[in-house]
Amino acid sequence: MRLSFVTALLVAASVASYAQQAMPRMASVDPDNGKAGDVLVVTGENLAKDAVGKVYLTDGKNDTQVEIVEQTATTIKFKIPAKIANGRFALMVLTLGKDAKYIEQPVKVTVGEPPTQQ
């Protein structure tokens, strides 16, 4: 009896871990600054179309959706929207699936002209 209970728990844990989709993770963006209309390339993992539905630039208060130009499992190319203020923004994704989530990424982008160095 005890062995069958342990086996049932192991099977249930295996099914639950298999059913969970890996979370998208953005590692870097190139270039890390740009202006409206520029295309930037994010690299990371689990970024495919079946995992990431939308990408946003966020300042913590306002979220602005960007246009995804190209998307693979390890890269997303996106265009900086025309109607966004200059500033420093984090990237945020909206995952797909039954348990969709907004996940802010540790990658930052500066929008606008970069400051001149003196």
PDB file of N, CA and C in Angstrom:
ATOM      1  N   MET A   1       0.823  -1.192   0.000  1.00  0.00           N
ATOM      2  CA  MET A   1       0.000   0.000   0.000  1.00  0.00           C
ATOM      3  C   MET A   1       0.860   1.247   0.000  1.00  0.00           C
ATOM      4  N   ARG A   2       1.892   1.241   0.828  1.00  0.00           N
ATOM      5  CA  ARG A   2       2.752   2.410   0.949  1.00  0.00           C
ATOM      6  C   ARG A   2       3.492   2.687  -0.367  1.00  0.00           C
ATOM      7  N   LEU A   3       3.993   1.650  -1.017  1.00  0.00           N
ATOM      8  CA  LEU A   3       4.719   1.805  -2.269  1.00  0.00           C
ATOM      9  C   LEU A   3       3.822   2.367  -3.366  1.00  0.00           C
ATOM     10  N   SER A   4       2.583   1.923  -3.445  1.00  0.00           N
ATOM     11  CA  SER A   4       1.678   2.433  -4.478  1.00  0.00           C
ATOM     12  C   SER A   4       1.346   3.907  -4.242  1.00  0.00           C
ATOM     13  N   PHE A   5       1.269   4.331  -2.990  1.00  0.00           N
ATOM     14  CA  PHE A   5       1.005   5.742  -2.679  1.00  0.00           C
ATOM     15  C   PHE A   5       2.186   6.613  -3.125  1.00  0.00           C
ATOM     16  N   VAL A   6       3.401   6.154  -2.843  1.00  0.00           N
ATOM     17  CA  VAL A   6       4.604   6.890  -3.249  1.00  0.00           C
ATOM     18  C   VAL A   6       4.685   6.940  -4.776  1.00  0.00           C
ATOM     19  N   THR A   7       4.401   5.844  -5.425  1.00  0.00           N
ATOM     20  CA  THR A   7       4.412   5.801  -6.891  1.00  0.00           C
ATOM     21  C   THR A   7       3.401   6.783  -7.464  1.00  0.00           C
ATOM     22  N   ALA A   8       2.208   6.816  -6.897  1.00  0.00           N
ATOM     23  CA  ALA A   8       1.184   7.749  -7.368  1.00  0.00           C
ATOM     24  C   ALA A   8       1.640   9.200  -7.204  1.00  0.00           C
ATOM     25  N   LEU A   9       2.296   9.505  -6.094  1.00  0.00           N
ATOM     26  CA  LEU A   9       2.813  10.864  -5.884  1.00  0.00           C
ATOM     27  C   LEU A   9       3.884  11.221  -6.908  1.00  0.00           C
ATOM     28  N   LEU A  10       4.780  10.288  -7.181  1.00  0.00           N
ATOM     29  CA  LEU A  10       5.824  10.540  -8.171  1.00  0.00           C
ATOM     30  C   LEU A  10       5.240  10.760  -9.563  1.00  0.00           C
ATOM     31  N   VAL A  11       4.271   9.969  -9.942  1.00  0.00           N
ATOM     32  CA  VAL A  11       3.620  10.131 -11.243  1.00  0.00           C
ATOM     33  C   VAL A  11       2.925  11.488 -11.322  1.00  0.00           C
ATOM     34  N   ALA A  12       2.205  11.865 -10.275  1.00  0.00           N
ATOM     35  CA  ALA A  12       1.516  13.160 -10.254  1.00  0.00           C
ATOM     36  C   ALA A  12       2.508  14.311 -10.354  1.00  0.00           C
ATOM     37  N   ALA A  13       3.630  14.228  -9.644  1.00  0.00           N
ATOM     38  CA  ALA A  13       4.652  15.279  -9.691  1.00  0.00           C
ATOM     39  C   ALA A  13       5.265  15.367 -11.084  1.00  0.00           C
ATOM     40  N   SER A  14       5.495  14.226 -11.721  1.00  0.00           N
ATOM     41  CA  SER A  14       6.068  14.219 -13.067  1.00  0.00           C
ATOM     42  C   SER A  14       5.130  14.870 -14.065  1.00  0.00           C
ATOM     43  N   VAL A  15       3.845  14.543 -13.994  1.00  0.00           N
ATOM     44  CA  VAL A  15       2.853  15.120 -14.897  1.00  0.00           C
ATOM     45  C   VAL A  15       2.754  16.627 -14.675  1.00  0.00           C
ATOM     46  N   ALA A  16       2.746  17.061 -13.427  1.00  0.00           N
ATOM     47  CA  ALA A  16       2.641  18.495 -13.121  1.00  0.00           C
ATOM     48  C   ALA A  16       3.856  19.249 -13.635  1.00  0.00           C
ATOM     49  N   SER A  17       5.046  18.709 -13.471  1.00  0.00           N
ATOM     50  CA  SER A  17       6.243  19.409 -13.949  1.00  0.00           C
ATOM     51  C   SER A  17       6.304  19.413 -15.466  1.00  0.00           C
ATOM     52  N   TYR A  18       5.836  18.362 -16.115  1.00  0.00           N
ATOM     53  CA  TYR A  18       5.823  18.312 -17.573  1.00  0.00           C
ATOM     54  C   TYR A  18       4.825  19.318 -18.132  1.00  0.00           C
ATOM     55  N   ALA A  19       3.702  19.508 -17.464  1.00  0.00           N
ATOM     56  CA  ALA A  19       2.644  20.387 -17.951  1.00  0.00           C
ATOM     57  C   ALA A  19       3.017  21.858 -17.813  1.00  0.00           C
ATOM     58  N   GLN A  20       3.904  22.188 -16.892  1.00  0.00           N
ATOM     59  CA  GLN A  20       4.278  23.581 -16.713  1.00  0.00           C
ATOM     60  C   GLN A  20       5.201  24.015 -17.841  1.00  0.00           C
ATOM     61  N   GLN A  21       4.856  25.157 -18.425  1.00  0.00           N
ATOM     62  CA  GLN A  21       5.657  25.700 -19.499  1.00  0.00           C
ATOM     63  C   GLN A  21       6.792  26.523 -18.901  1.00  0.00           C
ATOM     64  N   ALA A  22       7.967  26.433 -19.477  1.00  0.00           N
ATOM     65  CA  ALA A  22       9.111  27.200 -18.992  1.00  0.00           C
ATOM     66  C   ALA A  22       8.840  28.694 -19.170  1.00  0.00           C
ATOM     67  N   MET A  23       9.236  29.480 -18.192  1.00  0.00           N
ATOM     68  CA  MET A  23       9.006  30.923 -18.228  1.00  0.00           C
ATOM     69  C   MET A  23       9.970  31.602 -19.197  1.00  0.00           C
ATOM     70  N   PRO A  24       9.471  32.595 -19.939  1.00  0.00           N
ATOM     71  CA  PRO A  24      10.351  33.366 -20.812  1.00  0.00           C
ATOM     72  C   PRO A  24      11.370  34.135 -19.971  1.00  0.00           C
ATOM     73  N   ARG A  25      12.595  34.240 -20.504  1.00  0.00           N
ATOM     74  CA  ARG A  25      13.637  34.995 -19.813  1.00  0.00           C
ATOM     75  C   ARG A  25      14.446  35.760 -20.845  1.00  0.00           C
ATOM     76  N   MET A  26      14.393  37.074 -20.746  1.00  0.00           N
ATOM     77  CA  MET A  26      15.186  37.930 -21.618  1.00  0.00           C
ATOM     78  C   MET A  26      16.514  38.204 -20.917  1.00  0.00           C
ATOM     79  N   ALA A  27      17.627  38.031 -21.647  1.00  0.00           N
ATOM     80  CA  ALA A  27      18.948  38.204 -21.059  1.00  0.00           C
ATOM     81  C   ALA A  27      19.628  39.495 -21.492  1.00  0.00           C
ATOM     82  N   SER A  28      19.399  39.926 -22.747  1.00  0.00           N
ATOM     83  CA  SER A  28      20.046  41.141 -23.235  1.00  0.00           C
ATOM     84  C   SER A  28      19.250  41.735 -24.393  1.00  0.00           C
ATOM     85  N   VAL A  29      19.546  43.005 -24.679  1.00  0.00           N
ATOM     86  CA  VAL A  29      18.932  43.684 -25.823  1.00  0.00           C
ATOM     87  C   VAL A  29      20.037  44.436 -26.557  1.00  0.00           C
ATOM     88  N   ASP A  30      19.966  44.417 -27.899  1.00  0.00           N
ATOM     89  CA  ASP A  30      20.984  45.071 -28.704  1.00  0.00           C
ATOM     90  C   ASP A  30      20.333  45.866 -29.818  1.00  0.00           C
ATOM     91  N   PRO A  31      20.612  47.139 -29.948  1.00  0.00           N
ATOM     92  CA  PRO A  31      21.303  47.961 -28.959  1.00  0.00           C
ATOM     93  C   PRO A  31      20.402  48.188 -27.744  1.00  0.00           C
ATOM     94  N   ASP A  32      20.953  48.744 -26.677  1.00  0.00           N
ATOM     95  CA  ASP A  32      20.150  48.967 -25.473  1.00  0.00           C
ATOM     96  C   ASP A  32      19.528  50.356 -25.433  1.00  0.00           C
ATOM     97  N   ASN A  33      19.584  51.055 -26.595  1.00  0.00           N
ATOM     98  CA  ASN A  33      18.902  52.355 -26.708  1.00  0.00           C
ATOM     99  C   ASN A  33      18.460  52.555 -28.144  1.00  0.00           C
ATOM    100  N   GLY A  34      17.498  53.445 -28.322  1.00  0.00           N
ATOM    101  CA  GLY A  34      17.000  53.731 -29.658  1.00  0.00           C
ATOM    102  C   GLY A  34      15.938  54.797 -29.607  1.00  0.00           C
ATOM    103  N   LYS A  35      15.406  55.110 -30.782  1.00  0.00           N
ATOM    104  CA  LYS A  35      14.328  56.100 -30.867  1.00  0.00           C
ATOM    105  C   LYS A  35      13.155  55.474 -31.610  1.00  0.00           C
ATOM    106  N   ALA A  36      12.056  56.192 -31.660  1.00  0.00           N
ATOM    107  CA  ALA A  36      10.839  55.674 -32.303  1.00  0.00           C
ATOM    108  C   ALA A  36      11.160  55.143 -33.700  1.00  0.00           C
ATOM    109  N   GLY A  37      10.671  53.945 -33.983  1.00  0.00           N
ATOM    110  CA  GLY A  37      10.871  53.321 -35.280  1.00  0.00           C
ATOM    111  C   GLY A  37      12.072  52.395 -35.352  1.00  0.00           C
ATOM    112  N   ASP A  38      13.003  52.515 -34.409  1.00  0.00           N
ATOM    113  CA  ASP A  38      14.173  51.636 -34.402  1.00  0.00           C
ATOM    114  C   ASP A  38      13.764  50.206 -34.042  1.00  0.00           C
ATOM    115  N   VAL A  39      14.481  49.239 -34.602  1.00  0.00           N
ATOM    116  CA  VAL A  39      14.257  47.827 -34.290  1.00  0.00           C
ATOM    117  C   VAL A  39      15.387  47.353 -33.374  1.00  0.00           C
ATOM    118  N   LEU A  40      15.000  46.776 -32.244  1.00  0.00           N
ATOM    119  CA  LEU A  40      15.947  46.237 -31.275  1.00  0.00           C
ATOM    120  C   LEU A  40      15.794  44.718 -31.222  1.00  0.00           C
ATOM    121  N   VAL A  41      16.847  44.026 -30.818  1.00  0.00           N
ATOM    122  CA  VAL A  41      16.839  42.557 -30.764  1.00  0.00           C
ATOM    123  C   VAL A  41      17.095  42.098 -29.332  1.00  0.00           C
ATOM    124  N   VAL A  42      16.131  41.372 -28.787  1.00  0.00           N
ATOM    125  CA  VAL A  42      16.258  40.795 -27.455  1.00  0.00           C
ATOM    126  C   VAL A  42      16.685  39.347 -27.611  1.00  0.00           C
ATOM    127  N   THR A  43      17.631  38.911 -26.786  1.00  0.00           N
ATOM    128  CA  THR A  43      18.003  37.503 -26.771  1.00  0.00           C
ATOM    129  C   THR A  43      17.722  36.925 -25.392  1.00  0.00           C
ATOM    130  N   GLY A  44      17.429  35.642 -25.366  1.00  0.00           N
ATOM    131  CA  GLY A  44      17.112  34.974 -24.112  1.00  0.00           C
ATOM    132  C   GLY A  44      16.682  33.554 -24.378  1.00  0.00           C
ATOM    133  N   GLU A  45      15.729  33.069 -23.583  1.00  0.00           N
ATOM    134  CA  GLU A  45      15.241  31.698 -23.755  1.00  0.00           C
ATOM    135  C   GLU A  45      13.736  31.656 -23.536  1.00  0.00           C
ATOM    136  N   ASN A  46      13.113  30.676 -24.153  1.00  0.00           N
ATOM    137  CA  ASN A  46      11.654  30.470 -24.080  1.00  0.00           C
ATOM    138  C   ASN A  46      10.895  31.698 -24.573  1.00  0.00           C
ATOM    139  N   LEU A  47      11.327  32.260 -25.711  1.00  0.00           N
ATOM    140  CA  LEU A  47      10.720  33.464 -26.269  1.00  0.00           C
ATOM    141  C   LEU A  47       9.855  33.179 -27.489  1.00  0.00           C
ATOM    142  N   ALA A  48       9.591  31.926 -27.793  1.00  0.00           N
ATOM    143  CA  ALA A  48       8.837  31.540 -28.996  1.00  0.00           C
ATOM    144  C   ALA A  48       7.412  32.069 -28.973  1.00  0.00           C
ATOM    145  N   LYS A  49       6.780  32.042 -30.146  1.00  0.00           N
ATOM    146  CA  LYS A  49       5.413  32.553 -30.302  1.00  0.00           C
ATOM    147  C   LYS A  49       4.404  31.834 -29.420  1.00  0.00           C
ATOM    148  N   ASP A  50       4.658  30.584 -29.075  1.00  0.00           N
ATOM    149  CA  ASP A  50       3.708  29.865 -28.219  1.00  0.00           C
ATOM    150  C   ASP A  50       3.919  30.169 -26.734  1.00  0.00           C
ATOM    151  N   ALA A  51       4.978  30.924 -26.411  1.00  0.00           N
ATOM    152  CA  ALA A  51       5.256  31.283 -25.020  1.00  0.00           C
ATOM    153  C   ALA A  51       5.013  32.764 -24.740  1.00  0.00           C
ATOM    154  N   VAL A  52       5.394  33.625 -25.680  1.00  0.00           N
ATOM    155  CA  VAL A  52       5.279  35.078 -25.496  1.00  0.00           C
ATOM    156  C   VAL A  52       4.288  35.624 -26.516  1.00  0.00           C
ATOM    157  N   GLY A  53       3.210  36.220 -26.020  1.00  0.00           N
ATOM    158  CA  GLY A  53       2.184  36.779 -26.906  1.00  0.00           C
ATOM    159  C   GLY A  53       2.396  38.240 -27.223  1.00  0.00           C
ATOM    160  N   LYS A  54       2.840  39.011 -26.240  1.00  0.00           N
ATOM    161  CA  LYS A  54       3.038  40.450 -26.419  1.00  0.00           C
ATOM    162  C   LYS A  54       4.262  40.893 -25.627  1.00  0.00           C
ATOM    163  N   VAL A  55       4.853  42.002 -26.086  1.00  0.00           N
ATOM    164  CA  VAL A  55       5.988  42.610 -25.408  1.00  0.00           C
ATOM    165  C   VAL A  55       5.659  44.079 -25.170  1.00  0.00           C
ATOM    166  N   TYR A  56       6.057  44.571 -24.010  1.00  0.00           N
ATOM    167  CA  TYR A  56       5.783  45.953 -23.629  1.00  0.00           C
ATOM    168  C   TYR A  56       7.058  46.628 -23.144  1.00  0.00           C
ATOM    169  N   LEU A  57       7.092  47.950 -23.282  1.00  0.00           N
ATOM    170  CA  LEU A  57       8.062  48.782 -22.584  1.00  0.00           C
ATOM    171  C   LEU A  57       7.317  49.360 -21.399  1.00  0.00           C
ATOM    172  N   THR A  58       7.885  49.283 -20.196  1.00  0.00           N
ATOM    173  CA  THR A  58       7.198  49.762 -19.006  1.00  0.00           C
ATOM    174  C   THR A  58       8.121  50.607 -18.145  1.00  0.00           C
ATOM    175  N   ASP A  59       7.550  51.668 -17.569  1.00  0.00           N
ATOM    176  CA  ASP A  59       8.306  52.476 -16.617  1.00  0.00           C
ATOM    177  C   ASP A  59       7.821  52.213 -15.196  1.00  0.00           C
ATOM    178  N   GLY A  60       7.005  51.197 -15.036  1.00  0.00           N
ATOM    179  CA  GLY A  60       6.455  50.856 -13.729  1.00  0.00           C
ATOM    180  C   GLY A  60       5.063  51.416 -13.525  1.00  0.00           C
ATOM    181  N   LYS A  61       4.701  52.429 -14.295  1.00  0.00           N
ATOM    182  CA  LYS A  61       3.357  53.023 -14.212  1.00  0.00           C
ATOM    183  C   LYS A  61       2.613  52.887 -15.528  1.00  0.00           C
ATOM    184  N   ASN A  62       3.328  53.104 -16.617  1.00  0.00           N
ATOM    185  CA  ASN A  62       2.729  53.056 -17.947  1.00  0.00           C
ATOM    186  C   ASN A  62       3.371  51.936 -18.754  1.00  0.00           C
ATOM    187  N   ASP A  63       2.533  51.142 -19.400  1.00  0.00           N
ATOM    188  CA  ASP A  63       2.989  50.041 -20.242  1.00  0.00           C
ATOM    189  C   ASP A  63       2.626  50.358 -21.688  1.00  0.00           C
ATOM    190  N   THR A  64       3.611  50.290 -22.576  1.00  0.00           N
ATOM    191  CA  THR A  64       3.381  50.569 -23.991  1.00  0.00           C
ATOM    192  C   THR A  64       3.740  49.335 -24.800  1.00  0.00           C
ATOM    193  N   GLN A  65       2.753  48.806 -25.521  1.00  0.00           N
ATOM    194  CA  GLN A  65       2.990  47.616 -26.325  1.00  0.00           C
ATOM    195  C   GLN A  65       3.877  47.965 -27.515  1.00  0.00           C
ATOM    196  N   VAL A  66       4.818  47.066 -27.824  1.00  0.00           N
ATOM    197  CA  VAL A  66       5.678  47.239 -28.985  1.00  0.00           C
ATOM    198  C   VAL A  66       5.237  46.276 -30.077  1.00  0.00           C
ATOM    199  N   GLU A  67       5.637  46.573 -31.304  1.00  0.00           N
ATOM    200  CA  GLU A  67       5.342  45.693 -32.430  1.00  0.00           C
ATOM    201  C   GLU A  67       6.447  44.655 -32.546  1.00  0.00           C
ATOM    202  N   ILE A  68       6.080  43.389 -32.466  1.00  0.00           N
ATOM    203  CA  ILE A  68       7.045  42.308 -32.662  1.00  0.00           C
ATOM    204  C   ILE A  68       7.219  42.113 -34.157  1.00  0.00           C
ATOM    205  N   VAL A  69       8.460  42.249 -34.630  1.00  0.00           N
ATOM    206  CA  VAL A  69       8.779  42.144 -36.049  1.00  0.00           C
ATOM    207  C   VAL A  69       9.147  40.707 -36.416  1.00  0.00           C
ATOM    208  N   GLU A  70       9.869  40.048 -35.515  1.00  0.00           N
ATOM    209  CA  GLU A  70      10.314  38.670 -35.753  1.00  0.00           C
ATOM    210  C   GLU A  70      10.480  37.989 -34.397  1.00  0.00           C
ATOM    211  N   GLN A  71      10.211  36.682 -34.348  1.00  0.00           N
ATOM    212  CA  GLN A  71      10.239  35.987 -33.056  1.00  0.00           C
ATOM    213  C   GLN A  71      10.670  34.540 -33.240  1.00  0.00           C
ATOM    214  N   THR A  72      11.652  34.114 -32.430  1.00  0.00           N
ATOM    215  CA  THR A  72      12.089  32.714 -32.402  1.00  0.00           C
ATOM    216  C   THR A  72      12.151  32.275 -30.936  1.00  0.00           C
ATOM    217  N   ALA A  73      12.618  31.082 -30.698  1.00  0.00           N
ATOM    218  CA  ALA A  73      12.725  30.570 -29.327  1.00  0.00           C
ATOM    219  C   ALA A  73      13.745  31.342 -28.503  1.00  0.00           C
ATOM    220  N   THR A  74      14.726  31.975 -29.177  1.00  0.00           N
ATOM    221  CA  THR A  74      15.794  32.663 -28.444  1.00  0.00           C
ATOM    222  C   THR A  74      15.909  34.155 -28.734  1.00  0.00           C
ATOM    223  N   THR A  75      15.137  34.683 -29.678  1.00  0.00           N
ATOM    224  CA  THR A  75      15.201  36.114 -29.992  1.00  0.00           C
ATOM    225  C   THR A  75      13.832  36.695 -30.284  1.00  0.00           C
ATOM    226  N   ILE A  76      13.699  37.963 -29.976  1.00  0.00           N
ATOM    227  CA  ILE A  76      12.535  38.745 -30.392  1.00  0.00           C
ATOM    228  C   ILE A  76      13.057  40.069 -30.931  1.00  0.00           C
ATOM    229  N   LYS A  77      12.674  40.380 -32.174  1.00  0.00           N
ATOM    230  CA  LYS A  77      12.972  41.688 -32.750  1.00  0.00           C
ATOM    231  C   LYS A  77      11.706  42.516 -32.609  1.00  0.00           C
ATOM    232  N   PHE A  78      11.862  43.732 -32.057  1.00  0.00           N
ATOM    233  CA  PHE A  78      10.694  44.590 -31.889  1.00  0.00           C
ATOM    234  C   PHE A  78      11.013  46.015 -32.286  1.00  0.00           C
ATOM    235  N   LYS A  79       9.935  46.746 -32.640  1.00  0.00           N
ATOM    236  CA  LYS A  79      10.064  48.131 -33.062  1.00  0.00           C
ATOM    237  C   LYS A  79       9.609  49.046 -31.934  1.00  0.00           C
ATOM    238  N   ILE A  80      10.401  50.088 -31.653  1.00  0.00           N
ATOM    239  CA  ILE A  80      10.012  51.076 -30.646  1.00  0.00           C
ATOM    240  C   ILE A  80       8.847  51.877 -31.213  1.00  0.00           C
ATOM    241  N   PRO A  81       7.737  51.971 -30.480  1.00  0.00           N
ATOM    242  CA  PRO A  81       6.555  52.668 -30.992  1.00  0.00           C
ATOM    243  C   PRO A  81       6.778  54.181 -31.133  1.00  0.00           C
ATOM    244  N   ALA A  82       6.001  54.784 -32.033  1.00  0.00           N
ATOM    245  CA  ALA A  82       6.119  56.223 -32.294  1.00  0.00           C
ATOM    246  C   ALA A  82       5.667  57.053 -31.101  1.00  0.00           C
ATOM    247  N   LYS A  83       4.634  56.599 -30.420  1.00  0.00           N
ATOM    248  CA  LYS A  83       4.056  57.397 -29.336  1.00  0.00           C
ATOM    249  C   LYS A  83       4.527  56.891 -27.979  1.00  0.00           C
ATOM    250  N   ILE A  84       5.795  57.155 -27.677  1.00  0.00           N
ATOM    251  CA  ILE A  84       6.331  56.803 -26.368  1.00  0.00           C
ATOM    252  C   ILE A  84       7.277  57.922 -25.945  1.00  0.00           C
ATOM    253  N   ALA A  85       7.224  58.262 -24.692  1.00  0.00           N
ATOM    254  CA  ALA A  85       8.084  59.318 -24.161  1.00  0.00           C
ATOM    255  C   ALA A  85       9.528  58.838 -24.091  1.00  0.00           C
ATOM    256  N   ASN A  86      10.438  59.782 -24.081  1.00  0.00           N
ATOM    257  CA  ASN A  86      11.836  59.436 -23.864  1.00  0.00           C
ATOM    258  C   ASN A  86      12.010  58.975 -22.427  1.00  0.00           C
ATOM    259  N   GLY A  87      12.944  58.081 -22.205  1.00  0.00           N
ATOM    260  CA  GLY A  87      13.211  57.608 -20.854  1.00  0.00           C
ATOM    261  C   GLY A  87      13.783  56.213 -20.845  1.00  0.00           C
ATOM    262  N   ARG A  88      13.926  55.691 -19.652  1.00  0.00           N
ATOM    263  CA  ARG A  88      14.473  54.341 -19.453  1.00  0.00           C
ATOM    264  C   ARG A  88      13.318  53.400 -19.106  1.00  0.00           C
ATOM    265  N   PHE A  89      13.229  52.284 -19.823  1.00  0.00           N
ATOM    266  CA  PHE A  89      12.118  51.355 -19.679  1.00  0.00           C
ATOM    267  C   PHE A  89      12.623  49.931 -19.482  1.00  0.00           C
ATOM    268  N   ALA A  90      11.862  49.158 -18.737  1.00  0.00           N
ATOM    269  CA  ALA A  90      12.092  47.722 -18.636  1.00  0.00           C
ATOM    270  C   ALA A  90      11.238  47.051 -19.701  1.00  0.00           C
ATOM    271  N   LEU A  91      11.662  45.883 -20.123  1.00  0.00           N
ATOM    272  CA  LEU A  91      10.844  45.077 -21.022  1.00  0.00           C
ATOM    273  C   LEU A  91       9.950  44.174 -20.186  1.00  0.00           C
ATOM    274  N   MET A  92       8.728  43.957 -20.664  1.00  0.00           N
ATOM    275  CA  MET A  92       7.768  43.106 -19.981  1.00  0.00           C
ATOM    276  C   MET A  92       7.089  42.241 -21.035  1.00  0.00           C
ATOM    277  N   VAL A  93       6.854  40.975 -20.702  1.00  0.00           N
ATOM    278  CA  VAL A  93       6.175  40.067 -21.625  1.00  0.00           C
ATOM    279  C   VAL A  93       4.825  39.655 -21.056  1.00  0.00           C
ATOM    280  N   LEU A  94       3.923  39.335 -21.965  1.00  0.00           N
ATOM    281  CA  LEU A  94       2.661  38.691 -21.604  1.00  0.00           C
ATOM    282  C   LEU A  94       2.766  37.269 -22.123  1.00  0.00           C
ATOM    283  N   THR A  95       2.759  36.308 -21.205  1.00  0.00           N
ATOM    284  CA  THR A  95       2.853  34.909 -21.605  1.00  0.00           C
ATOM    285  C   THR A  95       1.512  34.450 -22.164  1.00  0.00           C
ATOM    286  N   LEU A  96       1.533  33.345 -22.864  1.00  0.00           N
ATOM    287  CA  LEU A  96       0.317  32.760 -23.417  1.00  0.00           C
ATOM    288  C   LEU A  96      -0.085  31.544 -22.607  1.00  0.00           C
ATOM    289  N   GLY A  97      -1.275  31.079 -22.842  1.00  0.00           N
ATOM    290  CA  GLY A  97      -1.736  29.868 -22.182  1.00  0.00           C
ATOM    291  C   GLY A  97      -2.831  30.149 -21.176  1.00  0.00           C
ATOM    292  N   LYS A  98      -3.239  29.087 -20.510  1.00  0.00           N
ATOM    293  CA  LYS A  98      -4.348  29.166 -19.556  1.00  0.00           C
ATOM    294  C   LYS A  98      -4.006  30.059 -18.366  1.00  0.00           C
ATOM    295  N   ASP A  99      -2.749  30.075 -17.980  1.00  0.00           N
ATOM    296  CA  ASP A  99      -2.311  30.859 -16.822  1.00  0.00           C
ATOM    297  C   ASP A  99      -1.413  32.013 -17.284  1.00  0.00           C
ATOM    298  N   ALA A 100      -1.926  32.853 -18.210  1.00  0.00           N
ATOM    299  CA  ALA A 100      -1.148  33.959 -18.775  1.00  0.00           C
ATOM    300  C   ALA A 100      -0.724  34.932 -17.680  1.00  0.00           C
ATOM    301  N   LYS A 101       0.506  35.441 -17.816  1.00  0.00           N
ATOM    302  CA  LYS A 101       1.067  36.352 -16.811  1.00  0.00           C
ATOM    303  C   LYS A 101       1.821  37.478 -17.493  1.00  0.00           C
ATOM    304  N   TYR A 102       1.846  38.637 -16.837  1.00  0.00           N
ATOM    305  CA  TYR A 102       2.746  39.714 -17.208  1.00  0.00           C
ATOM    306  C   TYR A 102       4.014  39.507 -16.388  1.00  0.00           C
ATOM    307  N   ILE A 103       5.165  39.459 -17.048  1.00  0.00           N
ATOM    308  CA  ILE A 103       6.423  39.244 -16.349  1.00  0.00           C
ATOM    309  C   ILE A 103       7.410  40.331 -16.774  1.00  0.00           C
ATOM    310  N   GLU A 104       7.781  41.189 -15.820  1.00  0.00           N
ATOM    311  CA  GLU A 104       8.785  42.207 -16.095  1.00  0.00           C
ATOM    312  C   GLU A 104      10.147  41.538 -16.146  1.00  0.00           C
ATOM    313  N   GLN A 105      10.913  41.898 -17.157  1.00  0.00           N
ATOM    314  CA  GLN A 105      12.221  41.292 -17.386  1.00  0.00           C
ATOM    315  C   GLN A 105      13.339  42.183 -16.836  1.00  0.00           C
ATOM    316  N   PRO A 106      14.499  41.616 -16.563  1.00  0.00           N
ATOM    317  CA  PRO A 106      15.609  42.407 -16.020  1.00  0.00           C
ATOM    318  C   PRO A 106      16.400  43.154 -17.097  1.00  0.00           C
ATOM    319  N   VAL A 107      15.785  43.377 -18.252  1.00  0.00           N
ATOM    320  CA  VAL A 107      16.444  44.036 -19.377  1.00  0.00           C
ATOM    321  C   VAL A 107      15.867  45.444 -19.526  1.00  0.00           C
ATOM    322  N   LYS A 108      16.749  46.434 -19.693  1.00  0.00           N
ATOM    323  CA  LYS A 108      16.333  47.839 -19.789  1.00  0.00           C
ATOM    324  C   LYS A 108      16.688  48.411 -21.155  1.00  0.00           C
ATOM    325  N   VAL A 109      15.858  49.364 -21.597  1.00  0.00           N
ATOM    326  CA  VAL A 109      16.050  50.057 -22.869  1.00  0.00           C
ATOM    327  C   VAL A 109      15.902  51.550 -22.616  1.00  0.00           C
ATOM    328  N   THR A 110      16.786  52.342 -23.212  1.00  0.00           N
ATOM    329  CA  THR A 110      16.654  53.798 -23.150  1.00  0.00           C
ATOM    330  C   THR A 110      16.075  54.273 -24.473  1.00  0.00           C
ATOM    331  N   VAL A 111      14.969  55.020 -24.406  1.00  0.00           N
ATOM    332  CA  VAL A 111      14.316  55.551 -25.598  1.00  0.00           C
ATOM    333  C   VAL A 111      14.622  57.043 -25.671  1.00  0.00           C
ATOM    334  N   GLY A 112      15.020  57.491 -26.851  1.00  0.00           N
ATOM    335  CA  GLY A 112      15.357  58.899 -27.060  1.00  0.00           C
ATOM    336  C   GLY A 112      16.825  59.017 -27.409  1.00  0.00           C
ATOM    337  N   GLU A 113      17.233  60.211 -27.651  1.00  0.00           N
ATOM    338  CA  GLU A 113      18.640  60.457 -27.980  1.00  0.00           C
ATOM    339  C   GLU A 113      19.510  60.168 -26.754  1.00  0.00           C
ATOM    340  N   PRO A 114      20.590  59.410 -26.920  1.00  0.00           N
ATOM    341  CA  PRO A 114      21.460  59.164 -25.771  1.00  0.00           C
ATOM    342  C   PRO A 114      22.138  60.462 -25.339  1.00  0.00           C
ATOM    343  N   PRO A 115      22.426  60.601 -24.054  1.00  0.00           N
ATOM    344  CA  PRO A 115      23.060  61.831 -23.598  1.00  0.00           C
ATOM    345  C   PRO A 115      24.451  61.985 -24.208  1.00  0.00           C
ATOM    346  N   THR A 116      24.804  63.208 -24.522  1.00  0.00           N
ATOM    347  CA  THR A 116      26.127  63.461 -25.073  1.00  0.00           C
ATOM    348  C   THR A 116      27.165  63.426 -23.977  1.00  0.00           C
ATOM    349  N   GLN A 117      28.322  62.897 -24.286  1.00  0.00           N
ATOM    350  CA  GLN A 117      29.391  62.811 -23.299  1.00  0.00           C
ATOM    351  C   GLN A 117      30.283  64.035 -23.426  1.00  0.00           C
ATOM    352  N   GLN A 118      30.640  64.573 -22.289  1.00  0.00           N
ATOM    353  CA  GLN A 118      31.468  65.787 -22.293  1.00  0.00           C
ATOM    354  C   GLN A 118      32.863  65.483 -21.855  1.00  0.00           C
TER     355      GLN A 118
END
